[in-house]
Amino acid sequence: MDLPFLCDSATESTEVVYDLWDAHFSADFKDYKVLWLYSSGPGQLHSATNAMPTAASLKGMKMRAPSAYMSKAFKLLGANPVGMPISKLTMSLQKKVIDGMLTPYSAIQDFRLFDLVAHITELNMYVTPMAVVMNKAKYNGLPDFAKKAIDEASGKQWGMHAARVYDDHDGNTLKEIQKRGKIKVYKLPGAEKQKVISMVKPLEGQWIAETSKKGVAAEKILADVKKSAQ
């Protein structure tokens, strides 16, 4: 799910994870009580310096990457990835440590970046799935009424609710950006987006090769993710 251009929203990503949960993901969480699964909204390109209207625009830019595979994606696009916690975005933009970042729209609101970011290119490049879990032994040690309360406050319906909240937050942040009128928002034209997708496509084969070595049916998982996301 960390590979680029698989899903276009938090709700779509969350549906995919739940769709594949029993077959591919649940065994990894067998030692936990899983409350719900959800996802971040899709990542957009934000820049404090240069506009990014084409696939070549990122060349040489210092961009905060949210994950290892997004760092690899930036390298394929000619950018210089910088790894850092999202909490350091404000200071890093102020001190020009980075030119921009790859995050959902919501980061602009959450970290008060309205006056630091000048350009956004919308391309829905990545999502970040998340899991809310609790200690299984602690759950098993609870009285039945407490277990029932936790069960009623968990499950797919709550994961989908959390995903919709994330998507709504992204949408509301974009409306605020447009209302303030200080940040220029671009949508990458279809041909240019296809160039970006083609440039980062090798990451899929790389992920399959690396993950298969761990005894995981990587090719099958990726195929099922794509099928579910159609």
Protein backbone atom coordinates (compact mmCIF):
# COMPACT_ATOMS: atom_id res chain seq x y z
CA MET A 1 0.00 0.00 0.00
CA ASP A 2 3.07 2.25 0.23
CA LEU A 3 3.68 2.05 -3.53
CA PRO A 4 2.73 5.08 -5.64
CA PHE A 5 -0.56 5.59 -7.46
CA LEU A 6 -2.58 2.69 -6.04
CA CYS A 7 -5.50 4.60 -4.48
CA ASP A 8 -7.03 8.07 -4.84
CA SER A 9 -8.62 8.58 -1.42
CA ALA A 10 -8.57 7.49 2.20
CA THR A 11 -11.89 5.70 1.79
CA GLU A 12 -10.73 3.79 -1.29
CA SER A 13 -7.51 2.74 0.42
CA THR A 14 -9.40 1.63 3.54
CA GLU A 15 -11.83 -0.41 1.46
CA VAL A 16 -8.88 -2.13 -0.25
CA VAL A 17 -7.21 -3.02 3.05
CA TYR A 18 -10.42 -4.46 4.46
CA ASP A 19 -11.06 -6.30 1.20
CA LEU A 20 -7.67 -8.02 1.44
CA TRP A 21 -7.54 -8.28 5.23
CA ASP A 22 -8.44 -11.93 5.71
CA ALA A 23 -6.36 -13.22 2.80
CA HIS A 24 -3.20 -11.18 3.19
CA PHE A 25 -2.92 -8.90 6.22
CA SER A 26 -4.65 -10.38 9.27
CA ALA A 27 -1.87 -12.84 10.14
CA ASP A 28 0.52 -9.95 10.75
CA PHE A 29 -1.79 -8.69 13.51
CA LYS A 30 -2.64 -11.99 15.19
CA ASP A 31 -1.04 -10.84 18.45
CA TYR A 32 -3.23 -7.73 18.68
CA LYS A 33 -6.86 -6.83 19.14
CA VAL A 34 -7.49 -4.83 15.98
CA LEU A 35 -10.01 -2.06 16.59
CA TRP A 36 -10.14 -0.56 13.15
CA LEU A 37 -8.11 0.15 10.02
CA TYR A 38 -8.07 3.38 8.09
CA SER A 39 -5.86 5.46 5.81
CA SER A 40 -4.49 8.93 5.30
CA GLY A 41 -5.73 10.95 2.38
CA PRO A 42 -3.71 10.90 -0.84
CA GLY A 43 -0.39 12.74 -0.99
CA GLN A 44 0.03 15.89 -3.05
CA LEU A 45 3.19 17.80 -3.97
CA HIS A 46 3.63 21.03 -2.00
CA SER A 47 6.32 23.60 -2.76
CA ALA A 48 7.48 26.78 -1.05
CA THR A 49 9.65 27.69 -4.04
CA ASN A 50 8.94 26.36 -7.54
CA ALA A 51 5.73 25.58 -9.35
CA MET A 52 5.52 21.92 -10.40
CA PRO A 53 3.40 21.77 -13.58
CA THR A 54 5.30 18.96 -15.34
CA ALA A 55 7.00 15.64 -14.60
CA ALA A 56 10.38 17.38 -14.92
CA SER A 57 9.56 20.10 -12.38
CA LEU A 58 10.88 18.15 -9.39
CA LYS A 59 14.42 17.83 -10.71
CA GLY A 60 16.88 19.07 -8.09
CA MET A 61 14.24 20.03 -5.52
CA LYS A 62 14.68 19.06 -1.87
CA MET A 63 11.43 17.34 -0.94
CA ARG A 64 10.34 15.82 2.36
CA ALA A 65 9.39 12.20 1.73
CA PRO A 66 6.91 10.43 4.03
CA SER A 67 8.28 6.92 3.58
CA ALA A 68 11.11 4.83 2.19
CA TYR A 69 9.33 4.08 -1.07
CA MET A 70 8.37 7.70 -1.59
CA SER A 71 12.05 8.56 -1.13
CA LYS A 72 12.83 6.08 -3.90
CA ALA A 73 10.07 7.61 -6.03
CA PHE A 74 11.56 11.09 -5.60
CA LYS A 75 14.96 9.83 -6.72
CA LEU A 76 13.41 8.39 -9.88
CA LEU A 77 11.79 11.78 -10.50
CA GLY A 78 15.09 13.62 -10.07
CA ALA A 79 14.30 15.18 -6.69
CA ASN A 80 16.43 14.99 -3.55
CA PRO A 81 14.38 13.23 -0.85
CA VAL A 82 14.70 14.38 2.75
CA GLY A 83 13.42 12.13 5.52
CA MET A 84 11.93 13.85 8.57
CA PRO A 85 8.93 13.59 10.90
CA ILE A 86 5.91 15.50 9.66
CA SER A 87 6.04 17.57 12.85
CA LYS A 88 9.21 19.29 11.57
CA LEU A 89 7.66 20.59 8.35
CA THR A 90 7.00 24.13 9.58
CA MET A 91 10.52 24.80 10.82
CA SER A 92 12.11 23.07 7.83
CA LEU A 93 10.17 25.21 5.36
CA GLN A 94 10.89 28.39 7.34
CA LYS A 95 14.63 27.65 7.41
CA LYS A 96 14.61 26.49 3.76
CA VAL A 97 15.94 23.06 4.72
CA ILE A 98 13.47 21.73 2.18
CA ASP A 99 11.78 23.19 -0.89
CA GLY A 100 8.57 21.32 -0.26
CA MET A 101 6.97 18.06 0.74
CA LEU A 102 4.69 15.21 -0.25
CA THR A 103 1.71 15.13 2.10
CA PRO A 104 -2.10 15.12 2.04
CA TYR A 105 -3.80 18.51 1.79
CA SER A 106 -4.64 18.29 5.48
CA ALA A 107 -1.02 19.05 6.47
CA ILE A 108 -1.52 22.64 5.34
CA GLN A 109 -4.24 23.08 7.94
CA ASP A 110 -2.77 20.87 10.66
CA PHE A 111 0.63 22.57 10.65
CA ARG A 112 -0.49 26.09 9.67
CA LEU A 113 1.45 26.16 6.42
CA PHE A 114 -0.85 28.56 4.54
CA ASP A 115 1.84 31.24 4.44
CA LEU A 116 4.79 28.92 3.79
CA VAL A 117 3.58 26.91 0.80
CA ALA A 118 3.24 28.70 -2.54
CA HIS A 119 2.35 25.89 -4.97
CA ILE A 120 0.52 22.57 -4.80
CA THR A 121 0.32 19.98 -7.56
CA GLU A 122 -2.53 17.52 -7.08
CA LEU A 123 -1.70 14.01 -8.29
CA ASN A 124 -2.77 11.60 -5.50
CA MET A 125 0.66 9.99 -5.33
CA TYR A 126 0.43 7.81 -2.22
CA VAL A 127 -1.64 6.85 0.81
CA THR A 128 -0.62 5.65 4.26
CA PRO A 129 -2.76 2.88 5.78
CA MET A 130 -2.92 2.77 9.57
CA ALA A 131 -4.21 0.38 12.22
CA VAL A 132 -5.66 1.13 15.64
CA VAL A 133 -4.85 -1.81 17.90
CA MET A 134 -4.79 -2.75 21.56
CA ASN A 135 -2.98 -5.33 23.65
CA LYS A 136 -4.75 -8.64 23.07
CA ALA A 137 -4.05 -9.95 26.57
CA LYS A 138 -5.47 -6.78 28.11
CA TYR A 139 -8.58 -7.12 25.97
CA ASN A 140 -9.01 -10.79 26.92
CA GLY A 141 -8.69 -9.88 30.60
CA LEU A 142 -11.58 -7.42 30.51
CA PRO A 143 -15.07 -8.28 31.80
CA ASP A 144 -17.62 -9.19 29.15
CA PHE A 145 -19.45 -5.85 29.32
CA ALA A 146 -16.20 -3.99 28.61
CA LYS A 147 -15.33 -6.29 25.71
CA LYS A 148 -18.80 -5.68 24.29
CA ALA A 149 -18.36 -1.91 24.55
CA ILE A 150 -15.00 -2.08 22.77
CA ASP A 151 -16.41 -4.36 20.06
CA GLU A 152 -19.29 -1.95 19.47
CA ALA A 153 -16.82 0.92 19.17
CA SER A 154 -14.61 -0.89 16.65
CA GLY A 155 -14.79 -2.70 13.35
CA LYS A 156 -14.94 -1.75 9.68
CA GLN A 157 -17.69 0.82 10.14
CA TRP A 158 -15.41 2.86 12.38
CA GLY A 159 -12.46 2.45 10.05
CA MET A 160 -14.55 3.72 7.14
CA HIS A 161 -15.80 6.58 9.30
CA ALA A 162 -12.22 7.57 10.15
CA ALA A 163 -11.27 7.42 6.46
CA ARG A 164 -14.22 9.64 5.49
CA VAL A 165 -13.19 12.12 8.19
CA TYR A 166 -9.70 12.22 6.67
CA ASP A 167 -11.06 12.75 3.15
CA ASP A 168 -13.40 15.47 4.41
CA HIS A 169 -10.51 17.16 6.21
CA ASP A 170 -8.52 17.17 2.97
CA GLY A 171 -11.48 18.59 1.07
CA ASN A 172 -12.13 21.30 3.66
CA THR A 173 -8.45 22.24 3.68
CA LEU A 174 -8.48 22.61 -0.11
CA LYS A 175 -11.54 24.88 0.16
CA GLU A 176 -9.71 27.02 2.71
CA ILE A 177 -6.65 27.19 0.45
CA GLN A 178 -8.84 28.33 -2.44
CA LYS A 179 -10.65 30.83 -0.22
CA ARG A 180 -7.40 32.44 0.94
CA GLY A 181 -6.06 32.55 -2.60
CA LYS A 182 -2.37 32.63 -1.68
CA ILE A 183 -1.43 29.12 -2.82
CA LYS A 184 -1.66 28.15 -6.49
CA VAL A 185 -3.14 24.68 -6.97
CA TYR A 186 -2.41 22.75 -10.17
CA LYS A 187 -3.79 19.48 -11.43
CA LEU A 188 -1.17 17.58 -13.35
CA PRO A 189 -2.49 17.10 -16.92
CA GLY A 190 -3.20 13.50 -17.91
CA ALA A 191 -0.16 13.12 -20.15
CA GLU A 192 2.17 14.57 -17.53
CA LYS A 193 0.71 12.39 -14.78
CA GLN A 194 1.24 9.34 -16.99
CA LYS A 195 4.89 10.37 -17.34
CA VAL A 196 5.24 10.46 -13.55
CA ILE A 197 3.49 7.10 -13.20
CA SER A 198 5.80 5.59 -15.82
CA MET A 199 8.90 7.03 -14.13
CA VAL A 200 8.08 5.44 -10.77
CA LYS A 201 6.66 2.18 -12.20
CA PRO A 202 9.94 0.28 -11.58
CA LEU A 203 9.24 0.48 -7.84
CA GLU A 204 6.57 -2.19 -8.18
CA GLY A 205 9.03 -4.75 -9.53
CA GLN A 206 11.57 -3.73 -6.92
CA TRP A 207 9.02 -4.16 -4.13
CA ILE A 208 7.97 -7.57 -5.45
CA ALA A 209 11.60 -8.74 -5.60
CA GLU A 210 12.47 -7.45 -2.12
CA THR A 211 9.30 -8.67 -0.44
CA SER A 212 9.29 -12.10 -2.08
CA LYS A 213 12.64 -12.79 -0.41
CA LYS A 214 10.83 -12.61 2.94
CA GLY A 215 8.54 -15.46 1.97
CA VAL A 216 5.61 -13.18 1.17
CA ALA A 217 3.45 -13.71 -1.92
CA ALA A 218 4.22 -10.19 -3.05
CA GLU A 219 3.16 -10.49 -6.68
CA LYS A 220 -0.21 -11.96 -5.65
CA ILE A 221 -0.76 -9.27 -3.01
CA LEU A 222 -0.03 -6.42 -5.43
CA ALA A 223 -2.28 -7.94 -8.07
CA ASP A 224 -5.10 -8.27 -5.51
CA VAL A 225 -4.60 -4.67 -4.33
CA LYS A 226 -4.88 -3.40 -7.91
CA LYS A 227 -7.93 -5.56 -8.57
CA SER A 228 -9.65 -4.29 -5.44
CA ALA A 229 -8.78 -0.66 -6.22
CA GLN A 230 -10.23 -0.75 -9.75
